[in-house]
Protein backbone atom coordinates (compact mmCIF):
# COMPACT_ATOMS: atom_id res chain seq x y z
CA UNK A 1 90.43 246.56 212.22
CA UNK A 2 87.25 246.57 210.12
CA UNK A 3 86.35 243.18 208.66
CA UNK A 4 84.45 242.37 205.46
CA UNK A 5 82.55 239.08 205.65
CA UNK A 6 81.57 237.37 202.37
CA UNK A 7 79.24 234.38 202.10
CA UNK A 8 78.41 232.98 198.63
CA UNK A 9 75.69 230.51 197.71
CA UNK A 10 75.41 228.93 194.26
CA UNK A 11 72.58 227.00 192.66
CA UNK A 12 71.49 225.40 189.42
CA UNK A 13 70.13 227.88 186.84
CA UNK A 14 66.60 226.48 187.03
CA UNK A 15 66.52 227.10 190.82
CA UNK A 16 67.76 230.68 190.79
CA UNK A 17 64.32 232.36 190.91
CA UNK A 18 63.24 230.16 193.83
CA UNK A 19 66.41 230.90 195.82
CA UNK A 20 66.18 234.62 195.04
CA UNK A 21 62.66 234.61 196.51
CA UNK A 22 63.77 232.61 199.55
CA UNK A 23 66.63 235.07 200.11
CA UNK A 24 64.23 238.01 199.93
CA UNK A 25 61.97 236.33 202.48
CA UNK A 26 64.92 235.67 204.80
CA UNK A 27 65.23 239.40 205.55
CA UNK A 28 62.33 239.29 208.01
CA UNK A 29 63.88 236.34 209.86
CA UNK A 30 67.49 237.58 209.93
CA UNK A 31 67.31 241.37 210.22
CA UNK A 32 66.08 241.74 213.82
CA UNK A 33 68.90 239.66 215.28
CA UNK A 34 71.64 240.95 212.99
CA UNK A 35 70.71 244.57 213.72
CA UNK A 36 71.35 243.90 217.41
CA UNK A 37 74.81 242.41 216.91
CA UNK A 38 77.86 244.14 218.32
CA UNK A 39 80.02 245.87 215.73
CA UNK A 40 77.73 245.73 212.71
CA UNK A 41 78.48 248.57 210.28
CA UNK A 42 76.50 247.44 207.21
CA UNK A 43 74.96 244.28 205.75
CA UNK A 44 74.13 243.62 202.09
CA UNK A 45 72.44 240.73 200.32
CA UNK A 46 72.82 240.52 196.56
CA UNK A 47 72.41 238.32 193.56
CA UNK A 48 74.16 237.58 190.28
CA UNK A 49 71.82 235.78 187.94
CA UNK A 50 74.54 235.30 185.32
CA UNK A 51 76.56 233.10 187.70
CA UNK A 52 73.54 231.69 189.58
CA UNK A 53 74.90 233.02 192.86
CA UNK A 54 73.54 234.90 195.83
CA UNK A 55 75.83 236.56 198.31
CA UNK A 56 75.83 238.29 201.65
CA UNK A 57 78.51 240.87 202.28
CA UNK A 58 78.76 242.59 205.62
CA UNK A 59 81.09 245.07 207.25
CA UNK A 60 82.02 244.73 210.91
CA UNK A 61 84.21 246.68 213.32
CA UNK A 62 86.35 243.62 214.16
CA UNK A 63 86.91 240.02 213.09
CA UNK A 64 85.43 238.87 216.39
CA UNK A 65 82.27 240.88 215.63
CA UNK A 66 81.96 239.33 212.15
CA UNK A 67 82.28 235.83 213.56
CA UNK A 68 79.07 236.28 215.55
CA UNK A 69 77.29 235.11 212.40
CA UNK A 70 79.02 231.71 212.70
CA UNK A 71 76.70 230.85 215.59
CA UNK A 72 73.62 232.94 214.74
CA UNK A 73 70.95 230.24 214.95
CA UNK A 74 68.38 231.79 212.56
CA UNK A 75 71.04 231.93 209.84
CA UNK A 76 72.19 228.37 210.54
CA UNK A 77 68.58 227.16 210.37
CA UNK A 78 67.96 228.92 207.06
CA UNK A 79 71.20 227.51 205.68
CA UNK A 80 69.84 224.01 206.28
CA UNK A 81 66.65 224.86 204.40
CA UNK A 82 68.63 226.23 201.45
CA UNK A 83 70.96 223.22 201.29
CA UNK A 84 68.05 220.78 201.56
CA UNK A 85 66.73 222.32 198.33
CA UNK A 86 70.08 222.03 196.54
CA UNK A 87 71.94 225.26 197.34
CA UNK A 88 75.73 225.01 197.58
CA UNK A 89 77.50 227.33 199.99
CA UNK A 90 81.16 228.12 199.40
CA UNK A 91 83.18 227.21 202.47
CA UNK A 92 84.87 228.45 204.42
CA UNK A 93 83.03 231.75 204.76
CA UNK A 94 85.60 234.47 204.15
CA UNK A 95 86.36 237.18 206.70
CA UNK A 96 88.72 239.78 205.25
CA UNK A 97 90.48 242.04 207.75
CA UNK A 98 90.83 245.43 206.06
CA UNK A 99 94.22 246.47 204.66
CA UNK A 100 93.11 249.82 203.30
CA UNK A 101 90.01 251.66 202.07
CA UNK A 102 88.87 254.26 199.55
CA UNK A 103 86.14 256.75 200.39
CA UNK A 104 84.44 259.28 198.09
CA UNK A 105 85.83 262.82 197.87
CA UNK A 106 82.53 264.50 198.66
């Protein structure tokens, strides 16, 4: 079953711009390894300035595929950098096994 993985990081309002920049810079570090992972369908990184949150949402073929990120060392290393600067990650990371889906009519 497809799995949607959601990771949310929150920060203080005065740190949002810094963390947004750090997240943008993380693409070069994370993308090569994530692209090679088994079962990846799509990966998004986004931000919500109103709630001072940044999120990563990814779609995987199976729960086992999604859980590869649990041990992906570049992501773990970056997480330590973010937390050392005051970021707060919501735990546990959520992996939603799909119940149903809606696709466009076109």
